[in-house]
């Protein structure tokens, strides 16, 4: 049986994303890793939690596009 960590524990490792190109690759890598180590049943909760880590112009762009999941994002 696979071992997973909680969404809360994983979110401690996903830093907020507020800027642009310099941070985006690191942020995406951290989020990808988060999705790999949580129970897939919690992916919706993790996606919503990840959205709370995005602010500024990137958050506005995401909100306007009504992205529903990580693949859309």
PDB file of N, CA and C in Angstrom:
ATOM      1  N   UNK A   1       0.845  -1.192   0.000  1.00  0.00           N
ATOM      2  CA  UNK A   1       0.000   0.000   0.000  1.00  0.00           C
ATOM      3  C   UNK A   1       0.883   1.245   0.000  1.00  0.00           C
ATOM      4  N   UNK A   2       0.514   2.220  -0.774  1.00  0.00           N
ATOM      5  CA  UNK A   2       1.284   3.453  -0.887  1.00  0.00           C
ATOM      6  C   UNK A   2       1.112   4.306   0.364  1.00  0.00           C
ATOM      7  N   UNK A   3       2.172   5.026   0.706  1.00  0.00           N
ATOM      8  CA  UNK A   3       2.102   5.958   1.831  1.00  0.00           C
ATOM      9  C   UNK A   3       1.964   7.360   1.271  1.00  0.00           C
ATOM     10  N   UNK A   4       1.081   8.130   1.897  1.00  0.00           N
ATOM     11  CA  UNK A   4       0.842   9.501   1.475  1.00  0.00           C
ATOM     12  C   UNK A   4       1.021  10.430   2.661  1.00  0.00           C
ATOM     13  N   UNK A   5       1.296  11.695   2.361  1.00  0.00           N
ATOM     14  CA  UNK A   5       1.311  12.697   3.415  1.00  0.00           C
ATOM     15  C   UNK A   5       0.045  13.523   3.289  1.00  0.00           C
ATOM     16  N   UNK A   6      -0.302  14.220   4.341  1.00  0.00           N
ATOM     17  CA  UNK A   6      -1.535  15.010   4.342  1.00  0.00           C
ATOM     18  C   UNK A   6      -1.366  16.248   3.460  1.00  0.00           C
ATOM     19  N   UNK A   7      -2.486  16.769   3.028  1.00  0.00           N
ATOM     20  CA  UNK A   7      -2.473  17.998   2.231  1.00  0.00           C
ATOM     21  C   UNK A   7      -1.838  19.115   3.044  1.00  0.00           C
ATOM     22  N   UNK A   8      -2.197  19.219   4.307  1.00  0.00           N
ATOM     23  CA  UNK A   8      -1.643  20.275   5.162  1.00  0.00           C
ATOM     24  C   UNK A   8      -0.138  20.200   5.280  1.00  0.00           C
ATOM     25  N   UNK A   9       0.382  19.000   5.486  1.00  0.00           N
ATOM     26  CA  UNK A   9       1.830  18.826   5.574  1.00  0.00           C
ATOM     27  C   UNK A   9       2.495  19.180   4.250  1.00  0.00           C
ATOM     28  N   UNK A  10       1.907  18.787   3.166  1.00  0.00           N
ATOM     29  CA  UNK A  10       2.489  19.068   1.856  1.00  0.00           C
ATOM     30  C   UNK A  10       2.457  20.546   1.547  1.00  0.00           C
ATOM     31  N   UNK A  11       1.412  21.231   1.961  1.00  0.00           N
ATOM     32  CA  UNK A  11       1.304  22.659   1.661  1.00  0.00           C
ATOM     33  C   UNK A  11       2.377  23.471   2.374  1.00  0.00           C
ATOM     34  N   UNK A  12       2.940  22.945   3.432  1.00  0.00           N
ATOM     35  CA  UNK A  12       4.026  23.645   4.114  1.00  0.00           C
ATOM     36  C   UNK A  12       5.241  23.788   3.203  1.00  0.00           C
ATOM     37  N   UNK A  13       5.327  22.934   2.202  1.00  0.00           N
ATOM     38  CA  UNK A  13       6.480  22.944   1.300  1.00  0.00           C
ATOM     39  C   UNK A  13       6.233  23.697   0.001  1.00  0.00           C
ATOM     40  N   UNK A  14       4.998  24.160  -0.211  1.00  0.00           N
ATOM     41  CA  UNK A  14       4.672  24.928  -1.422  1.00  0.00           C
ATOM     42  C   UNK A  14       4.688  26.398  -1.040  1.00  0.00           C
ATOM     43  N   UNK A  15       5.723  27.096  -1.470  1.00  0.00           N
ATOM     44  CA  UNK A  15       5.854  28.513  -1.166  1.00  0.00           C
ATOM     45  C   UNK A  15       4.846  29.338  -1.945  1.00  0.00           C
ATOM     46  N   UNK A  16       4.426  30.468  -1.388  1.00  0.00           N
ATOM     47  CA  UNK A  16       3.506  31.352  -2.124  1.00  0.00           C
ATOM     48  C   UNK A  16       4.127  31.804  -3.448  1.00  0.00           C
ATOM     49  N   UNK A  17       3.280  31.990  -4.438  1.00  0.00           N
ATOM     50  CA  UNK A  17       3.707  32.474  -5.748  1.00  0.00           C
ATOM     51  C   UNK A  17       3.048  33.819  -5.989  1.00  0.00           C
ATOM     52  N   UNK A  18       3.855  34.871  -6.105  1.00  0.00           N
ATOM     53  CA  UNK A  18       3.314  36.210  -6.281  1.00  0.00           C
ATOM     54  C   UNK A  18       3.909  36.942  -7.467  1.00  0.00           C
ATOM     55  N   UNK A  19       4.978  36.411  -7.984  1.00  0.00           N
ATOM     56  CA  UNK A  19       5.691  37.156  -9.013  1.00  0.00           C
ATOM     57  C   UNK A  19       5.568  36.528 -10.374  1.00  0.00           C
ATOM     58  N   UNK A  20       6.640  36.492 -11.090  1.00  0.00           N
ATOM     59  CA  UNK A  20       6.578  36.035 -12.462  1.00  0.00           C
ATOM     60  C   UNK A  20       7.538  34.934 -12.804  1.00  0.00           C
ATOM     61  N   UNK A  21       8.223  35.129 -13.868  1.00  0.00           N
ATOM     62  CA  UNK A  21       9.011  34.087 -14.519  1.00  0.00           C
ATOM     63  C   UNK A  21      10.081  33.465 -13.637  1.00  0.00           C
ATOM     64  N   UNK A  22      10.677  34.206 -12.758  1.00  0.00           N
ATOM     65  CA  UNK A  22      11.761  33.663 -11.943  1.00  0.00           C
ATOM     66  C   UNK A  22      11.274  32.589 -10.979  1.00  0.00           C
ATOM     67  N   UNK A  23      10.093  32.743 -10.454  1.00  0.00           N
ATOM     68  CA  UNK A  23       9.570  31.807  -9.464  1.00  0.00           C
ATOM     69  C   UNK A  23       8.725  30.697 -10.060  1.00  0.00           C
ATOM     70  N   UNK A  24       8.236  30.871 -11.252  1.00  0.00           N
ATOM     71  CA  UNK A  24       7.219  29.972 -11.774  1.00  0.00           C
ATOM     72  C   UNK A  24       7.693  28.525 -11.903  1.00  0.00           C
ATOM     73  N   UNK A  25       8.900  28.288 -12.364  1.00  0.00           N
ATOM     74  CA  UNK A  25       9.366  26.912 -12.527  1.00  0.00           C
ATOM     75  C   UNK A  25       9.511  26.198 -11.188  1.00  0.00           C
ATOM     76  N   UNK A  26      10.026  26.908 -10.193  1.00  0.00           N
ATOM     77  CA  UNK A  26      10.147  26.322  -8.861  1.00  0.00           C
ATOM     78  C   UNK A  26       8.768  26.028  -8.283  1.00  0.00           C
ATOM     79  N   UNK A  27       7.843  26.965  -8.437  1.00  0.00           N
ATOM     80  CA  UNK A  27       6.491  26.775  -7.934  1.00  0.00           C
ATOM     81  C   UNK A  27       5.834  25.569  -8.592  1.00  0.00           C
ATOM     82  N   UNK A  28       5.937  25.469  -9.896  1.00  0.00           N
ATOM     83  CA  UNK A  28       5.328  24.342 -10.626  1.00  0.00           C
ATOM     84  C   UNK A  28       5.951  23.025 -10.180  1.00  0.00           C
ATOM     85  N   UNK A  29       7.246  22.999 -10.015  1.00  0.00           N
ATOM     86  CA  UNK A  29       7.921  21.783  -9.571  1.00  0.00           C
ATOM     87  C   UNK A  29       7.435  21.365  -8.185  1.00  0.00           C
ATOM     88  N   UNK A  30       7.319  22.324  -7.273  1.00  0.00           N
ATOM     89  CA  UNK A  30       6.843  22.016  -5.926  1.00  0.00           C
ATOM     90  C   UNK A  30       5.408  21.511  -5.939  1.00  0.00           C
ATOM     91  N   UNK A  31       4.575  22.104  -6.757  1.00  0.00           N
ATOM     92  CA  UNK A  31       3.176  21.677  -6.842  1.00  0.00           C
ATOM     93  C   UNK A  31       3.089  20.277  -7.457  1.00  0.00           C
ATOM     94  N   UNK A  32       3.852  20.035  -8.498  1.00  0.00           N
ATOM     95  CA  UNK A  32       3.869  18.689  -9.101  1.00  0.00           C
ATOM     96  C   UNK A  32       4.265  17.642  -8.072  1.00  0.00           C
ATOM     97  N   UNK A  33       5.286  17.936  -7.295  1.00  0.00           N
ATOM     98  CA  UNK A  33       5.721  17.012  -6.260  1.00  0.00           C
ATOM     99  C   UNK A  33       4.624  16.808  -5.218  1.00  0.00           C
ATOM    100  N   UNK A  34       3.938  17.871  -4.864  1.00  0.00           N
ATOM    101  CA  UNK A  34       2.843  17.761  -3.898  1.00  0.00           C
ATOM    102  C   UNK A  34       1.781  16.789  -4.385  1.00  0.00           C
ATOM    103  N   UNK A  35       1.425  16.871  -5.643  1.00  0.00           N
ATOM    104  CA  UNK A  35       0.409  15.979  -6.190  1.00  0.00           C
ATOM    105  C   UNK A  35       0.888  14.534  -6.268  1.00  0.00           C
ATOM    106  N   UNK A  36       2.184  14.335  -6.349  1.00  0.00           N
ATOM    107  CA  UNK A  36       2.723  12.974  -6.411  1.00  0.00           C
ATOM    108  C   UNK A  36       2.708  12.274  -5.054  1.00  0.00           C
ATOM    109  N   UNK A  37       2.743  13.038  -3.967  1.00  0.00           N
ATOM    110  CA  UNK A  37       2.892  12.418  -2.650  1.00  0.00           C
ATOM    111  C   UNK A  37       1.641  12.463  -1.780  1.00  0.00           C
ATOM    112  N   UNK A  38       0.535  12.954  -2.315  1.00  0.00           N
ATOM    113  CA  UNK A  38      -0.712  12.914  -1.550  1.00  0.00           C
ATOM    114  C   UNK A  38      -1.623  11.840  -2.120  1.00  0.00           C
ATOM    115  N   UNK A  39      -2.580  11.473  -1.327  1.00  0.00           N
ATOM    116  CA  UNK A  39      -3.588  10.523  -1.771  1.00  0.00           C
ATOM    117  C   UNK A  39      -4.366  11.157  -2.924  1.00  0.00           C
ATOM    118  N   UNK A  40      -4.490  10.501  -4.061  1.00  0.00           N
ATOM    119  CA  UNK A  40      -5.207  11.073  -5.202  1.00  0.00           C
ATOM    120  C   UNK A  40      -6.648  11.506  -4.876  1.00  0.00           C
ATOM    121  N   UNK A  41      -7.233  10.897  -3.871  1.00  0.00           N
ATOM    122  CA  UNK A  41      -8.585  11.302  -3.467  1.00  0.00           C
ATOM    123  C   UNK A  41      -8.616  12.728  -2.941  1.00  0.00           C
ATOM    124  N   UNK A  42      -7.464  13.257  -2.536  1.00  0.00           N
ATOM    125  CA  UNK A  42      -7.376  14.609  -1.990  1.00  0.00           C
ATOM    126  C   UNK A  42      -6.907  15.639  -3.011  1.00  0.00           C
ATOM    127  N   UNK A  43      -6.849  15.267  -4.277  1.00  0.00           N
ATOM    128  CA  UNK A  43      -6.302  16.181  -5.281  1.00  0.00           C
ATOM    129  C   UNK A  43      -7.118  17.459  -5.427  1.00  0.00           C
ATOM    130  N   UNK A  44      -8.431  17.377  -5.281  1.00  0.00           N
ATOM    131  CA  UNK A  44      -9.263  18.574  -5.379  1.00  0.00           C
ATOM    132  C   UNK A  44      -8.958  19.547  -4.238  1.00  0.00           C
ATOM    133  N   UNK A  45      -8.795  19.006  -3.035  1.00  0.00           N
ATOM    134  CA  UNK A  45      -8.466  19.834  -1.873  1.00  0.00           C
ATOM    135  C   UNK A  45      -7.091  20.460  -2.053  1.00  0.00           C
ATOM    136  N   UNK A  46      -6.135  19.675  -2.531  1.00  0.00           N
ATOM    137  CA  UNK A  46      -4.795  20.210  -2.753  1.00  0.00           C
ATOM    138  C   UNK A  46      -4.821  21.297  -3.811  1.00  0.00           C
ATOM    139  N   UNK A  47      -5.556  21.102  -4.894  1.00  0.00           N
ATOM    140  CA  UNK A  47      -5.646  22.119  -5.948  1.00  0.00           C
ATOM    141  C   UNK A  47      -6.163  23.429  -5.369  1.00  0.00           C
ATOM    142  N   UNK A  48      -7.222  23.352  -4.577  1.00  0.00           N
ATOM    143  CA  UNK A  48      -7.782  24.562  -3.977  1.00  0.00           C
ATOM    144  C   UNK A  48      -6.800  25.195  -3.007  1.00  0.00           C
ATOM    145  N   UNK A  49      -6.042  24.384  -2.309  1.00  0.00           N
ATOM    146  CA  UNK A  49      -5.030  24.903  -1.393  1.00  0.00           C
ATOM    147  C   UNK A  49      -3.904  25.587  -2.153  1.00  0.00           C
ATOM    148  N   UNK A  50      -3.503  24.998  -3.266  1.00  0.00           N
ATOM    149  CA  UNK A  50      -2.454  25.599  -4.093  1.00  0.00           C
ATOM    150  C   UNK A  50      -2.913  26.965  -4.601  1.00  0.00           C
ATOM    151  N   UNK A  51      -4.170  27.069  -4.994  1.00  0.00           N
ATOM    152  CA  UNK A  51      -4.678  28.358  -5.473  1.00  0.00           C
ATOM    153  C   UNK A  51      -4.543  29.447  -4.421  1.00  0.00           C
ATOM    154  N   UNK A  52      -4.650  29.085  -3.145  1.00  0.00           N
ATOM    155  CA  UNK A  52      -4.510  30.094  -2.090  1.00  0.00           C
ATOM    156  C   UNK A  52      -3.090  30.608  -1.987  1.00  0.00           C
ATOM    157  N   UNK A  53      -2.130  29.896  -2.570  1.00  0.00           N
ATOM    158  CA  UNK A  53      -0.726  30.309  -2.544  1.00  0.00           C
ATOM    159  C   UNK A  53      -0.367  31.232  -3.703  1.00  0.00           C
ATOM    160  N   UNK A  54      -1.305  31.473  -4.597  1.00  0.00           N
ATOM    161  CA  UNK A  54      -1.059  32.325  -5.758  1.00  0.00           C
ATOM    162  C   UNK A  54      -1.774  33.650  -5.536  1.00  0.00           C
ATOM    163  N   UNK A  55      -1.057  34.736  -5.741  1.00  0.00           N
ATOM    164  CA  UNK A  55      -1.680  36.051  -5.569  1.00  0.00           C
ATOM    165  C   UNK A  55      -1.187  37.003  -6.652  1.00  0.00           C
ATOM    166  N   UNK A  56      -1.685  38.193  -6.604  1.00  0.00           N
ATOM    167  CA  UNK A  56      -1.287  39.208  -7.570  1.00  0.00           C
ATOM    168  C   UNK A  56      -1.873  38.960  -8.948  1.00  0.00           C
ATOM    169  N   UNK A  57      -1.160  39.404  -9.969  1.00  0.00           N
ATOM    170  CA  UNK A  57      -1.625  39.261 -11.345  1.00  0.00           C
ATOM    171  C   UNK A  57      -1.869  37.807 -11.751  1.00  0.00           C
ATOM    172  N   UNK A  58      -1.006  36.864 -11.341  1.00  0.00           N
ATOM    173  CA  UNK A  58      -1.289  35.473 -11.708  1.00  0.00           C
ATOM    174  C   UNK A  58      -2.635  34.986 -11.176  1.00  0.00           C
ATOM    175  N   UNK A  59      -3.001  35.406  -9.977  1.00  0.00           N
ATOM    176  CA  UNK A  59      -4.287  34.987  -9.389  1.00  0.00           C
ATOM    177  C   UNK A  59      -5.451  35.558 -10.190  1.00  0.00           C
ATOM    178  N   UNK A  60      -5.339  36.800 -10.610  1.00  0.00           N
ATOM    179  CA  UNK A  60      -6.389  37.426 -11.416  1.00  0.00           C
ATOM    180  C   UNK A  60      -6.575  36.669 -12.722  1.00  0.00           C
ATOM    181  N   UNK A  61      -5.470  36.312 -13.366  1.00  0.00           N
ATOM    182  CA  UNK A  61      -5.546  35.578 -14.638  1.00  0.00           C
ATOM    183  C   UNK A  61      -6.211  34.225 -14.446  1.00  0.00           C
ATOM    184  N   UNK A  62      -5.879  33.529 -13.369  1.00  0.00           N
ATOM    185  CA  UNK A  62      -6.474  32.219 -13.093  1.00  0.00           C
ATOM    186  C   UNK A  62      -7.959  32.357 -12.815  1.00  0.00           C
ATOM    187  N   UNK A  63      -8.333  33.333 -12.035  1.00  0.00           N
ATOM    188  CA  UNK A  63      -9.735  33.545 -11.689  1.00  0.00           C
ATOM    189  C   UNK A  63     -10.573  33.830 -12.934  1.00  0.00           C
ATOM    190  N   UNK A  64     -10.062  34.614 -13.820  1.00  0.00           N
ATOM    191  CA  UNK A  64     -10.804  34.958 -15.041  1.00  0.00           C
ATOM    192  C   UNK A  64     -11.006  33.764 -15.968  1.00  0.00           C
ATOM    193  N   UNK A  65     -10.123  32.803 -15.907  1.00  0.00           N
ATOM    194  CA  UNK A  65     -10.207  31.650 -16.805  1.00  0.00           C
ATOM    195  C   UNK A  65     -11.006  30.489 -16.229  1.00  0.00           C
ATOM    196  N   UNK A  66     -11.418  30.565 -14.972  1.00  0.00           N
ATOM    197  CA  UNK A  66     -12.202  29.504 -14.336  1.00  0.00           C
ATOM    198  C   UNK A  66     -11.540  28.134 -14.473  1.00  0.00           C
ATOM    199  N   UNK A  67     -10.283  28.051 -14.110  1.00  0.00           N
ATOM    200  CA  UNK A  67      -9.554  26.795 -14.200  1.00  0.00           C
ATOM    201  C   UNK A  67     -10.029  25.857 -13.096  1.00  0.00           C
ATOM    202  N   UNK A  68     -10.305  24.627 -13.465  1.00  0.00           N
ATOM    203  CA  UNK A  68     -10.937  23.681 -12.547  1.00  0.00           C
ATOM    204  C   UNK A  68      -9.972  22.721 -11.866  1.00  0.00           C
ATOM    205  N   UNK A  69      -8.790  22.496 -12.443  1.00  0.00           N
ATOM    206  CA  UNK A  69      -7.878  21.517 -11.870  1.00  0.00           C
ATOM    207  C   UNK A  69      -6.437  21.845 -12.276  1.00  0.00           C
ATOM    208  N   UNK A  70      -5.513  21.042 -11.772  1.00  0.00           N
ATOM    209  CA  UNK A  70      -4.096  21.314 -12.030  1.00  0.00           C
ATOM    210  C   UNK A  70      -3.766  21.210 -13.514  1.00  0.00           C
ATOM    211  N   UNK A  71      -4.349  20.283 -14.224  1.00  0.00           N
ATOM    212  CA  UNK A  71      -4.082  20.174 -15.664  1.00  0.00           C
ATOM    213  C   UNK A  71      -4.484  21.439 -16.394  1.00  0.00           C
ATOM    214  N   UNK A  72      -5.618  22.014 -16.024  1.00  0.00           N
ATOM    215  CA  UNK A  72      -6.047  23.280 -16.624  1.00  0.00           C
ATOM    216  C   UNK A  72      -5.078  24.400 -16.288  1.00  0.00           C
ATOM    217  N   UNK A  73      -4.638  24.414 -15.031  1.00  0.00           N
ATOM    218  CA  UNK A  73      -3.735  25.452 -14.573  1.00  0.00           C
ATOM    219  C   UNK A  73      -2.413  25.372 -15.308  1.00  0.00           C
TER     220      UNK A  73
END
